[in-house]
mmCIF file of all heavy atoms, coordinates in Angstrom:
data_MODEL
# 
_entry.id   MODEL 
# 
loop_
_atom_site.group_PDB 
_atom_site.id 
_atom_site.type_symbol 
_atom_site.label_atom_id 
_atom_site.label_alt_id 
_atom_site.label_comp_id 
_atom_site.label_asym_id 
_atom_site.label_entity_id 
_atom_site.label_seq_id 
_atom_site.pdbx_PDB_ins_code 
_atom_site.Cartn_x 
_atom_site.Cartn_y 
_atom_site.Cartn_z 
_atom_site.occupancy 
_atom_site.B_iso_or_equiv 
_atom_site.pdbx_formal_charge 
_atom_site.auth_seq_id 
_atom_site.auth_comp_id 
_atom_site.auth_asym_id 
_atom_site.auth_atom_id 
_atom_site.pdbx_PDB_model_num 
ATOM 1   N N   . GLU A 1 1  ? 117.444 96.816  81.477  1.00 0.00 ? 1  GLU A N   1 
ATOM 2   C CA  . GLU A 1 1  ? 118.268 95.955  80.624  1.00 0.00 ? 1  GLU A CA  1 
ATOM 3   C C   . GLU A 1 1  ? 117.359 94.812  80.101  1.00 0.00 ? 1  GLU A C   1 
ATOM 4   O O   . GLU A 1 1  ? 116.866 94.031  80.868  1.00 0.00 ? 1  GLU A O   1 
ATOM 5   C CB  . GLU A 1 1  ? 119.421 95.368  81.439  1.00 0.00 ? 1  GLU A CB  1 
ATOM 6   C CG  . GLU A 1 1  ? 120.256 94.365  80.705  1.00 0.00 ? 1  GLU A CG  1 
ATOM 7   C CD  . GLU A 1 1  ? 121.280 93.674  81.620  1.00 0.00 ? 1  GLU A CD  1 
ATOM 8   O OE1 . GLU A 1 1  ? 121.436 94.082  82.786  1.00 0.00 ? 1  GLU A OE1 1 
ATOM 9   O OE2 . GLU A 1 1  ? 121.903 92.750  81.119  1.00 0.00 ? 1  GLU A OE2 1 
ATOM 10  N N   . MET A 1 2  ? 117.120 94.811  78.797  1.00 0.00 ? 2  MET A N   1 
ATOM 11  C CA  . MET A 1 2  ? 116.344 93.724  78.224  1.00 0.00 ? 2  MET A CA  1 
ATOM 12  C C   . MET A 1 2  ? 117.252 92.495  78.121  1.00 0.00 ? 2  MET A C   1 
ATOM 13  O O   . MET A 1 2  ? 118.338 92.584  77.532  1.00 0.00 ? 2  MET A O   1 
ATOM 14  C CB  . MET A 1 2  ? 115.846 94.136  76.847  1.00 0.00 ? 2  MET A CB  1 
ATOM 15  C CG  . MET A 1 2  ? 114.912 95.360  76.833  1.00 0.00 ? 2  MET A CG  1 
ATOM 16  S SD  . MET A 1 2  ? 113.543 95.293  78.020  1.00 0.00 ? 2  MET A SD  1 
ATOM 17  C CE  . MET A 1 2  ? 112.667 93.876  77.475  1.00 0.00 ? 2  MET A CE  1 
ATOM 18  N N   . THR A 1 3  ? 116.854 91.409  78.754  1.00 0.00 ? 3  THR A N   1 
ATOM 19  C CA  . THR A 1 3  ? 117.700 90.233  78.806  1.00 0.00 ? 3  THR A CA  1 
ATOM 20  C C   . THR A 1 3  ? 117.221 89.120  77.889  1.00 0.00 ? 3  THR A C   1 
ATOM 21  O O   . THR A 1 3  ? 117.878 88.084  77.810  1.00 0.00 ? 3  THR A O   1 
ATOM 22  C CB  . THR A 1 3  ? 117.759 89.705  80.272  1.00 0.00 ? 3  THR A CB  1 
ATOM 23  O OG1 . THR A 1 3  ? 116.443 89.460  80.733  1.00 0.00 ? 3  THR A OG1 1 
ATOM 24  C CG2 . THR A 1 3  ? 118.478 90.709  81.148  1.00 0.00 ? 3  THR A CG2 1 
ATOM 25  N N   . GLY A 1 4  ? 116.117 89.298  77.241  1.00 0.00 ? 4  GLY A N   1 
ATOM 26  C CA  . GLY A 1 4  ? 115.591 88.304  76.304  1.00 0.00 ? 4  GLY A CA  1 
ATOM 27  C C   . GLY A 1 4  ? 114.304 88.848  75.712  1.00 0.00 ? 4  GLY A C   1 
ATOM 28  O O   . GLY A 1 4  ? 113.863 89.934  76.011  1.00 0.00 ? 4  GLY A O   1 
ATOM 29  N N   . PRO A 1 5  ? 113.670 88.025  74.843  1.00 0.00 ? 5  PRO A N   1 
ATOM 30  C CA  . PRO A 1 5  ? 112.447 88.515  74.186  1.00 0.00 ? 5  PRO A CA  1 
ATOM 31  C C   . PRO A 1 5  ? 111.293 88.745  75.182  1.00 0.00 ? 5  PRO A C   1 
ATOM 32  O O   . PRO A 1 5  ? 110.408 89.524  74.896  1.00 0.00 ? 5  PRO A O   1 
ATOM 33  C CB  . PRO A 1 5  ? 112.109 87.446  73.169  1.00 0.00 ? 5  PRO A CB  1 
ATOM 34  C CG  . PRO A 1 5  ? 112.901 86.265  73.571  1.00 0.00 ? 5  PRO A CG  1 
ATOM 35  C CD  . PRO A 1 5  ? 114.070 86.729  74.367  1.00 0.00 ? 5  PRO A CD  1 
ATOM 36  N N   . LYS A 1 6  ? 111.318 88.049  76.320  1.00 0.00 ? 6  LYS A N   1 
ATOM 37  C CA  . LYS A 1 6  ? 110.240 88.200  77.302  1.00 0.00 ? 6  LYS A CA  1 
ATOM 38  C C   . LYS A 1 6  ? 110.812 88.307  78.709  1.00 0.00 ? 6  LYS A C   1 
ATOM 39  O O   . LYS A 1 6  ? 110.289 87.738  79.670  1.00 0.00 ? 6  LYS A O   1 
ATOM 40  C CB  . LYS A 1 6  ? 109.276 87.045  77.226  1.00 0.00 ? 6  LYS A CB  1 
ATOM 41  C CG  . LYS A 1 6  ? 108.508 87.027  75.919  1.00 0.00 ? 6  LYS A CG  1 
ATOM 42  C CD  . LYS A 1 6  ? 107.517 85.887  75.888  1.00 0.00 ? 6  LYS A CD  1 
ATOM 43  C CE  . LYS A 1 6  ? 106.742 85.919  74.588  1.00 0.00 ? 6  LYS A CE  1 
ATOM 44  N NZ  . LYS A 1 6  ? 105.679 84.937  74.570  1.00 0.00 ? 6  LYS A NZ  1 
ATOM 45  N N   . SER A 1 7  ? 111.890 89.093  78.855  1.00 0.00 ? 7  SER A N   1 
ATOM 46  C CA  . SER A 1 7  ? 112.515 89.225  80.175  1.00 0.00 ? 7  SER A CA  1 
ATOM 47  C C   . SER A 1 7  ? 113.331 90.507  80.237  1.00 0.00 ? 7  SER A C   1 
ATOM 48  O O   . SER A 1 7  ? 113.824 90.996  79.202  1.00 0.00 ? 7  SER A O   1 
ATOM 49  C CB  . SER A 1 7  ? 113.381 88.024  80.488  1.00 0.00 ? 7  SER A CB  1 
ATOM 50  O OG  . SER A 1 7  ? 114.445 87.907  79.569  1.00 0.00 ? 7  SER A OG  1 
ATOM 51  N N   . ALA A 1 8  ? 113.459 91.012  81.438  1.00 0.00 ? 8  ALA A N   1 
ATOM 52  C CA  . ALA A 1 8  ? 114.226 92.241  81.649  1.00 0.00 ? 8  ALA A CA  1 
ATOM 53  C C   . ALA A 1 8  ? 114.747 92.303  83.099  1.00 0.00 ? 8  ALA A C   1 
ATOM 54  O O   . ALA A 1 8  ? 114.207 91.640  83.980  1.00 0.00 ? 8  ALA A O   1 
ATOM 55  C CB  . ALA A 1 8  ? 113.341 93.474  81.390  1.00 0.00 ? 8  ALA A CB  1 
ATOM 56  N N   . LEU A 1 9  ? 115.790 93.076  83.262  1.00 0.00 ? 9  LEU A N   1 
ATOM 57  C CA  . LEU A 1 9  ? 116.301 93.443  84.592  1.00 0.00 ? 9  LEU A CA  1 
ATOM 58  C C   . LEU A 1 9  ? 116.116 94.952  84.723  1.00 0.00 ? 9  LEU A C   1 
ATOM 59  O O   . LEU A 1 9  ? 116.435 95.688  83.826  1.00 0.00 ? 9  LEU A O   1 
ATOM 60  C CB  . LEU A 1 9  ? 117.774 93.107  84.734  1.00 0.00 ? 9  LEU A CB  1 
ATOM 61  C CG  . LEU A 1 9  ? 118.203 91.653  84.819  1.00 0.00 ? 9  LEU A CG  1 
ATOM 62  C CD1 . LEU A 1 9  ? 119.726 91.569  84.860  1.00 0.00 ? 9  LEU A CD1 1 
ATOM 63  C CD2 . LEU A 1 9  ? 117.609 91.014  86.065  1.00 0.00 ? 9  LEU A CD2 1 
ATOM 64  N N   . LEU A 1 10 ? 115.613 95.380  85.866  1.00 0.00 ? 10 LEU A N   1 
ATOM 65  C CA  . LEU A 1 10 ? 115.567 96.796  86.169  1.00 0.00 ? 10 LEU A CA  1 
ATOM 66  C C   . LEU A 1 10 ? 116.530 97.008  87.334  1.00 0.00 ? 10 LEU A C   1 
ATOM 67  O O   . LEU A 1 10 ? 116.340 96.460  88.430  1.00 0.00 ? 10 LEU A O   1 
ATOM 68  C CB  . LEU A 1 10 ? 114.146 97.230  86.577  1.00 0.00 ? 10 LEU A CB  1 
ATOM 69  C CG  . LEU A 1 10 ? 113.231 97.519  85.401  1.00 0.00 ? 10 LEU A CG  1 
ATOM 70  C CD1 . LEU A 1 10 ? 112.797 96.233  84.736  1.00 0.00 ? 10 LEU A CD1 1 
ATOM 71  C CD2 . LEU A 1 10 ? 112.046 98.334  85.853  1.00 0.00 ? 10 LEU A CD2 1 
ATOM 72  N N   . HIS A 1 11 ? 117.593 97.754  87.062  1.00 0.00 ? 11 HIS A N   1 
ATOM 73  C CA  . HIS A 1 11 ? 118.631 97.983  88.068  1.00 0.00 ? 11 HIS A CA  1 
ATOM 74  C C   . HIS A 1 11 ? 118.288 99.275  88.840  1.00 0.00 ? 11 HIS A C   1 
ATOM 75  O O   . HIS A 1 11 ? 117.904 100.274 88.214  1.00 0.00 ? 11 HIS A O   1 
ATOM 76  C CB  . HIS A 1 11 ? 119.979 98.138  87.377  1.00 0.00 ? 11 HIS A CB  1 
ATOM 77  C CG  . HIS A 1 11 ? 120.382 96.939  86.572  1.00 0.00 ? 11 HIS A CG  1 
ATOM 78  N ND1 . HIS A 1 11 ? 121.087 95.891  87.157  1.00 0.00 ? 11 HIS A ND1 1 
ATOM 79  C CD2 . HIS A 1 11 ? 120.173 96.606  85.301  1.00 0.00 ? 11 HIS A CD2 1 
ATOM 80  C CE1 . HIS A 1 11 ? 121.314 94.972  86.221  1.00 0.00 ? 11 HIS A CE1 1 
ATOM 81  N NE2 . HIS A 1 11 ? 120.758 95.392  85.086  1.00 0.00 ? 11 HIS A NE2 1 
ATOM 82  N N   . PHE A 1 12 ? 118.459 99.242  90.146  1.00 0.00 ? 12 PHE A N   1 
ATOM 83  C CA  . PHE A 1 12 ? 118.178 100.392 90.997  1.00 0.00 ? 12 PHE A CA  1 
ATOM 84  C C   . PHE A 1 12 ? 119.394 100.743 91.832  1.00 0.00 ? 12 PHE A C   1 
ATOM 85  O O   . PHE A 1 12 ? 120.004 99.874  92.423  1.00 0.00 ? 12 PHE A O   1 
ATOM 86  C CB  . PHE A 1 12 ? 117.041 100.096 91.975  1.00 0.00 ? 12 PHE A CB  1 
ATOM 87  C CG  . PHE A 1 12 ? 115.716 99.872  91.348  1.00 0.00 ? 12 PHE A CG  1 
ATOM 88  C CD1 . PHE A 1 12 ? 115.274 98.577  91.091  1.00 0.00 ? 12 PHE A CD1 1 
ATOM 89  C CD2 . PHE A 1 12 ? 114.901 100.928 90.985  1.00 0.00 ? 12 PHE A CD2 1 
ATOM 90  C CE1 . PHE A 1 12 ? 114.036 98.364  90.484  1.00 0.00 ? 12 PHE A CE1 1 
ATOM 91  C CE2 . PHE A 1 12 ? 113.672 100.713 90.396  1.00 0.00 ? 12 PHE A CE2 1 
ATOM 92  C CZ  . PHE A 1 12 ? 113.236 99.450  90.152  1.00 0.00 ? 12 PHE A CZ  1 
ATOM 93  N N   . VAL A 1 13 ? 119.718 102.018 91.875  1.00 0.00 ? 13 VAL A N   1 
ATOM 94  C CA  . VAL A 1 13 ? 120.763 102.570 92.754  1.00 0.00 ? 13 VAL A CA  1 
ATOM 95  C C   . VAL A 1 13 ? 120.131 103.707 93.526  1.00 0.00 ? 13 VAL A C   1 
ATOM 96  O O   . VAL A 1 13 ? 119.511 104.613 92.940  1.00 0.00 ? 13 VAL A O   1 
ATOM 97  C CB  . VAL A 1 13 ? 121.996 103.067 91.967  1.00 0.00 ? 13 VAL A CB  1 
ATOM 98  C CG1 . VAL A 1 13 ? 122.994 103.722 92.872  1.00 0.00 ? 13 VAL A CG1 1 
ATOM 99  C CG2 . VAL A 1 13 ? 122.613 101.926 91.166  1.00 0.00 ? 13 VAL A CG2 1 
ATOM 100 N N   . ASP A 1 14 ? 120.233 103.665 94.833  1.00 0.00 ? 14 ASP A N   1 
ATOM 101 C CA  . ASP A 1 14 ? 119.648 104.699 95.725  1.00 0.00 ? 14 ASP A CA  1 
ATOM 102 C C   . ASP A 1 14 ? 118.165 104.877 95.458  1.00 0.00 ? 14 ASP A C   1 
ATOM 103 O O   . ASP A 1 14 ? 117.657 105.984 95.308  1.00 0.00 ? 14 ASP A O   1 
ATOM 104 C CB  . ASP A 1 14 ? 120.381 106.026 95.549  1.00 0.00 ? 14 ASP A CB  1 
ATOM 105 C CG  . ASP A 1 14 ? 121.816 105.942 95.993  1.00 0.00 ? 14 ASP A CG  1 
ATOM 106 O OD1 . ASP A 1 14 ? 122.142 105.111 96.875  1.00 0.00 ? 14 ASP A OD1 1 
ATOM 107 O OD2 . ASP A 1 14 ? 122.643 106.731 95.474  1.00 0.00 ? 14 ASP A OD2 1 
ATOM 108 N N   . GLU A 1 15 ? 117.445 103.757 95.449  1.00 0.00 ? 15 GLU A N   1 
ATOM 109 C CA  . GLU A 1 15 ? 116.000 103.746 95.274  1.00 0.00 ? 15 GLU A CA  1 
ATOM 110 C C   . GLU A 1 15 ? 115.391 103.681 96.677  1.00 0.00 ? 15 GLU A C   1 
ATOM 111 O O   . GLU A 1 15 ? 115.485 102.654 97.342  1.00 0.00 ? 15 GLU A O   1 
ATOM 112 C CB  . GLU A 1 15 ? 115.537 102.551 94.436  1.00 0.00 ? 15 GLU A CB  1 
ATOM 113 C CG  . GLU A 1 15 ? 114.052 102.375 94.374  1.00 0.00 ? 15 GLU A CG  1 
ATOM 114 C CD  . GLU A 1 15 ? 113.317 103.615 93.863  1.00 0.00 ? 15 GLU A CD  1 
ATOM 115 O OE1 . GLU A 1 15 ? 113.594 104.037 92.739  1.00 0.00 ? 15 GLU A OE1 1 
ATOM 116 O OE2 . GLU A 1 15 ? 112.503 104.146 94.596  1.00 0.00 ? 15 GLU A OE2 1 
ATOM 117 N N   . TYR A 1 16 ? 114.796 104.766 97.137  1.00 0.00 ? 16 TYR A N   1 
ATOM 118 C CA  . TYR A 1 16 ? 114.334 104.843 98.503  1.00 0.00 ? 16 TYR A CA  1 
ATOM 119 C C   . TYR A 1 16 ? 112.909 104.376 98.702  1.00 0.00 ? 16 TYR A C   1 
ATOM 120 O O   . TYR A 1 16 ? 112.437 104.273 99.847  1.00 0.00 ? 16 TYR A O   1 
ATOM 121 C CB  . TYR A 1 16 ? 114.521 106.266 99.029  1.00 0.00 ? 16 TYR A CB  1 
ATOM 122 C CG  . TYR A 1 16 ? 115.971 106.664 98.926  1.00 0.00 ? 16 TYR A CG  1 
ATOM 123 C CD1 . TYR A 1 16 ? 116.402 107.701 98.139  1.00 0.00 ? 16 TYR A CD1 1 
ATOM 124 C CD2 . TYR A 1 16 ? 116.938 105.941 99.621  1.00 0.00 ? 16 TYR A CD2 1 
ATOM 125 C CE1 . TYR A 1 16 ? 117.730 108.019 98.044  1.00 0.00 ? 16 TYR A CE1 1 
ATOM 126 C CE2 . TYR A 1 16 ? 118.279 106.236 99.514  1.00 0.00 ? 16 TYR A CE2 1 
ATOM 127 C CZ  . TYR A 1 16 ? 118.660 107.280 98.723  1.00 0.00 ? 16 TYR A CZ  1 
ATOM 128 O OH  . TYR A 1 16 ? 119.990 107.589 98.611  1.00 0.00 ? 16 TYR A OH  1 
ATOM 129 N N   . VAL A 1 17 ? 112.201 104.095 97.622  1.00 0.00 ? 17 VAL A N   1 
ATOM 130 C CA  . VAL A 1 17 ? 110.868 103.467 97.737  1.00 0.00 ? 17 VAL A CA  1 
ATOM 131 C C   . VAL A 1 17 ? 111.108 101.960 97.748  1.00 0.00 ? 17 VAL A C   1 
ATOM 132 O O   . VAL A 1 17 ? 111.878 101.454 96.975  1.00 0.00 ? 17 VAL A O   1 
ATOM 133 C CB  . VAL A 1 17 ? 109.971 103.919 96.566  1.00 0.00 ? 17 VAL A CB  1 
ATOM 134 C CG1 . VAL A 1 17 ? 108.642 103.207 96.612  1.00 0.00 ? 17 VAL A CG1 1 
ATOM 135 C CG2 . VAL A 1 17 ? 109.762 105.415 96.590  1.00 0.00 ? 17 VAL A CG2 1 
ATOM 136 N N   . TRP A 1 18 ? 110.444 101.293 98.606  1.00 0.00 ? 18 TRP A N   1 
ATOM 137 C CA  . TRP A 1 18 ? 110.686 99.879  98.899  1.00 0.00 ? 18 TRP A CA  1 
ATOM 138 C C   . TRP A 1 18 ? 110.701 99.016  97.647  1.00 0.00 ? 18 TRP A C   1 
ATOM 139 O O   . TRP A 1 18 ? 109.688 98.695  97.044  1.00 0.00 ? 18 TRP A O   1 
ATOM 140 C CB  . TRP A 1 18 ? 109.603 99.385  99.863  1.00 0.00 ? 18 TRP A CB  1 
ATOM 141 C CG  . TRP A 1 18 ? 109.584 100.182 101.131 1.00 0.00 ? 18 TRP A CG  1 
ATOM 142 C CD1 . TRP A 1 18 ? 110.302 99.882  102.260 1.00 0.00 ? 18 TRP A CD1 1 
ATOM 143 C CD2 . TRP A 1 18 ? 108.831 101.339 101.412 1.00 0.00 ? 18 TRP A CD2 1 
ATOM 144 N NE1 . TRP A 1 18 ? 110.038 100.821 103.243 1.00 0.00 ? 18 TRP A NE1 1 
ATOM 145 C CE2 . TRP A 1 18 ? 109.151 101.749 102.736 1.00 0.00 ? 18 TRP A CE2 1 
ATOM 146 C CE3 . TRP A 1 18 ? 107.952 102.130 100.701 1.00 0.00 ? 18 TRP A CE3 1 
ATOM 147 C CZ2 . TRP A 1 18 ? 108.594 102.879 103.348 1.00 0.00 ? 18 TRP A CZ2 1 
ATOM 148 C CZ3 . TRP A 1 18 ? 107.394 103.260 101.298 1.00 0.00 ? 18 TRP A CZ3 1 
ATOM 149 C CH2 . TRP A 1 18 ? 107.732 103.600 102.605 1.00 0.00 ? 18 TRP A CH2 1 
ATOM 150 N N   . ILE A 1 19 ? 111.907 98.585  97.260  1.00 0.00 ? 19 ILE A N   1 
ATOM 151 C CA  . ILE A 1 19 ? 112.104 97.796  96.037  1.00 0.00 ? 19 ILE A CA  1 
ATOM 152 C C   . ILE A 1 19 ? 111.339 96.471  96.145  1.00 0.00 ? 19 ILE A C   1 
ATOM 153 O O   . ILE A 1 19 ? 110.603 96.108  95.205  1.00 0.00 ? 19 ILE A O   1 
ATOM 154 C CB  . ILE A 1 19 ? 113.610 97.520  95.793  1.00 0.00 ? 19 ILE A CB  1 
ATOM 155 C CG1 . ILE A 1 19 ? 114.360 98.853  95.553  1.00 0.00 ? 19 ILE A CG1 1 
ATOM 156 C CG2 . ILE A 1 19 ? 113.777 96.522  94.626  1.00 0.00 ? 19 ILE A CG2 1 
ATOM 157 C CD1 . ILE A 1 19 ? 115.869 98.702  95.507  1.00 0.00 ? 19 ILE A CD1 1 
ATOM 158 N N   . GLU A 1 20 ? 111.479 95.764  97.246  1.00 0.00 ? 20 GLU A N   1 
ATOM 159 C CA  . GLU A 1 20 ? 110.917 94.416  97.373  1.00 0.00 ? 20 GLU A CA  1 
ATOM 160 C C   . GLU A 1 20 ? 109.387 94.418  97.516  1.00 0.00 ? 20 GLU A C   1 
ATOM 161 O O   . GLU A 1 20 ? 108.758 93.366  97.318  1.00 0.00 ? 20 GLU A O   1 
ATOM 162 C CB  . GLU A 1 20 ? 111.559 93.662  98.532  1.00 0.00 ? 20 GLU A CB  1 
ATOM 163 C CG  . GLU A 1 20 ? 111.181 94.186  99.912  1.00 0.00 ? 20 GLU A CG  1 
ATOM 164 C CD  . GLU A 1 20 ? 111.997 95.362  100.380 1.00 0.00 ? 20 GLU A CD  1 
ATOM 165 O OE1 . GLU A 1 20 ? 112.542 96.161  99.581  1.00 0.00 ? 20 GLU A OE1 1 
ATOM 166 O OE2 . GLU A 1 20 ? 112.097 95.531  101.613 1.00 0.00 ? 20 GLU A OE2 1 
ATOM 167 N N   . HIS A 1 21 ? 108.774 95.536  97.823  1.00 0.00 ? 21 HIS A N   1 
ATOM 168 C CA  . HIS A 1 21 ? 107.321 95.591  97.938  1.00 0.00 ? 21 HIS A CA  1 
ATOM 169 C C   . HIS A 1 21 ? 106.726 96.498  96.859  1.00 0.00 ? 21 HIS A C   1 
ATOM 170 O O   . HIS A 1 21 ? 105.954 96.031  96.011  1.00 0.00 ? 21 HIS A O   1 
ATOM 171 C CB  . HIS A 1 21 ? 106.910 96.071  99.317  1.00 0.00 ? 21 HIS A CB  1 
ATOM 172 C CG  . HIS A 1 21 ? 107.405 95.226  100.419 1.00 0.00 ? 21 HIS A CG  1 
ATOM 173 N ND1 . HIS A 1 21 ? 107.009 93.924  100.583 1.00 0.00 ? 21 HIS A ND1 1 
ATOM 174 C CD2 . HIS A 1 21 ? 108.294 95.478  101.389 1.00 0.00 ? 21 HIS A CD2 1 
ATOM 175 C CE1 . HIS A 1 21 ? 107.631 93.428  101.639 1.00 0.00 ? 21 HIS A CE1 1 
ATOM 176 N NE2 . HIS A 1 21 ? 108.434 94.343  102.141 1.00 0.00 ? 21 HIS A NE2 1 
ATOM 177 N N   . SER A 1 22 ? 107.085 97.734  96.902  1.00 0.00 ? 22 SER A N   1 
ATOM 178 C CA  . SER A 1 22 ? 106.457 98.719  95.982  1.00 0.00 ? 22 SER A CA  1 
ATOM 179 C C   . SER A 1 22 ? 106.874 98.526  94.549  1.00 0.00 ? 22 SER A C   1 
ATOM 180 O O   . SER A 1 22 ? 106.035 98.470  93.657  1.00 0.00 ? 22 SER A O   1 
ATOM 181 C CB  . SER A 1 22 ? 106.804 100.119 96.458  1.00 0.00 ? 22 SER A CB  1 
ATOM 182 O OG  . SER A 1 22 ? 106.363 100.339 97.774  1.00 0.00 ? 22 SER A OG  1 
ATOM 183 N N   . GLN A 1 23 ? 108.171 98.482  94.309  1.00 0.00 ? 23 GLN A N   1 
ATOM 184 C CA  . GLN A 1 23 ? 108.652 98.394  92.914  1.00 0.00 ? 23 GLN A CA  1 
ATOM 185 C C   . GLN A 1 23 ? 108.264 97.072  92.270  1.00 0.00 ? 23 GLN A C   1 
ATOM 186 O O   . GLN A 1 23 ? 107.897 97.065  91.104  1.00 0.00 ? 23 GLN A O   1 
ATOM 187 C CB  . GLN A 1 23 ? 110.162 98.635  92.850  1.00 0.00 ? 23 GLN A CB  1 
ATOM 188 C CG  . GLN A 1 23 ? 110.570 100.001 93.300  1.00 0.00 ? 23 GLN A CG  1 
ATOM 189 C CD  . GLN A 1 23 ? 110.054 101.140 92.380  1.00 0.00 ? 23 GLN A CD  1 
ATOM 190 O OE1 . GLN A 1 23 ? 109.413 100.911 91.396  1.00 0.00 ? 23 GLN A OE1 1 
ATOM 191 N NE2 . GLN A 1 23 ? 110.351 102.350 92.760  1.00 0.00 ? 23 GLN A NE2 1 
ATOM 192 N N   . VAL A 1 24 ? 108.375 95.954  92.994  1.00 0.00 ? 24 VAL A N   1 
ATOM 193 C CA  . VAL A 1 24 ? 107.946 94.657  92.432  1.00 0.00 ? 24 VAL A CA  1 
ATOM 194 C C   . VAL A 1 24 ? 106.474 94.747  92.007  1.00 0.00 ? 24 VAL A C   1 
ATOM 195 O O   . VAL A 1 24 ? 106.116 94.352  90.899  1.00 0.00 ? 24 VAL A O   1 
ATOM 196 C CB  . VAL A 1 24 ? 108.149 93.514  93.447  1.00 0.00 ? 24 VAL A CB  1 
ATOM 197 C CG1 . VAL A 1 24 ? 107.389 92.264  93.018  1.00 0.00 ? 24 VAL A CG1 1 
ATOM 198 C CG2 . VAL A 1 24 ? 109.624 93.190  93.594  1.00 0.00 ? 24 VAL A CG2 1 
ATOM 199 N N   . SER A 1 25 ? 105.628 95.262  92.883  1.00 0.00 ? 25 SER A N   1 
ATOM 200 C CA  . SER A 1 25 ? 104.198 95.319  92.584  1.00 0.00 ? 25 SER A CA  1 
ATOM 201 C C   . SER A 1 25 ? 103.891 96.342  91.491  1.00 0.00 ? 25 SER A C   1 
ATOM 202 O O   . SER A 1 25 ? 103.029 96.087  90.643  1.00 0.00 ? 25 SER A O   1 
ATOM 203 C CB  . SER A 1 25 ? 103.427 95.646  93.853  1.00 0.00 ? 25 SER A CB  1 
ATOM 204 O OG  . SER A 1 25 ? 103.608 94.591  94.756  1.00 0.00 ? 25 SER A OG  1 
ATOM 205 N N   . GLY A 1 26 ? 104.574 97.484  91.490  1.00 0.00 ? 26 GLY A N   1 
ATOM 206 C CA  . GLY A 1 26 ? 104.370 98.495  90.457  1.00 0.00 ? 26 GLY A CA  1 
ATOM 207 C C   . GLY A 1 26 ? 104.697 97.935  89.083  1.00 0.00 ? 26 GLY A C   1 
ATOM 208 O O   . GLY A 1 26 ? 103.949 98.106  88.108  1.00 0.00 ? 26 GLY A O   1 
# 
């Protein structure tokens, strides 16, 4: 979800790879 010209939200449901470590860094 693009929330502005330089911002976004990526929503995850049933994401089994570590969101707070792996996905943030990726």
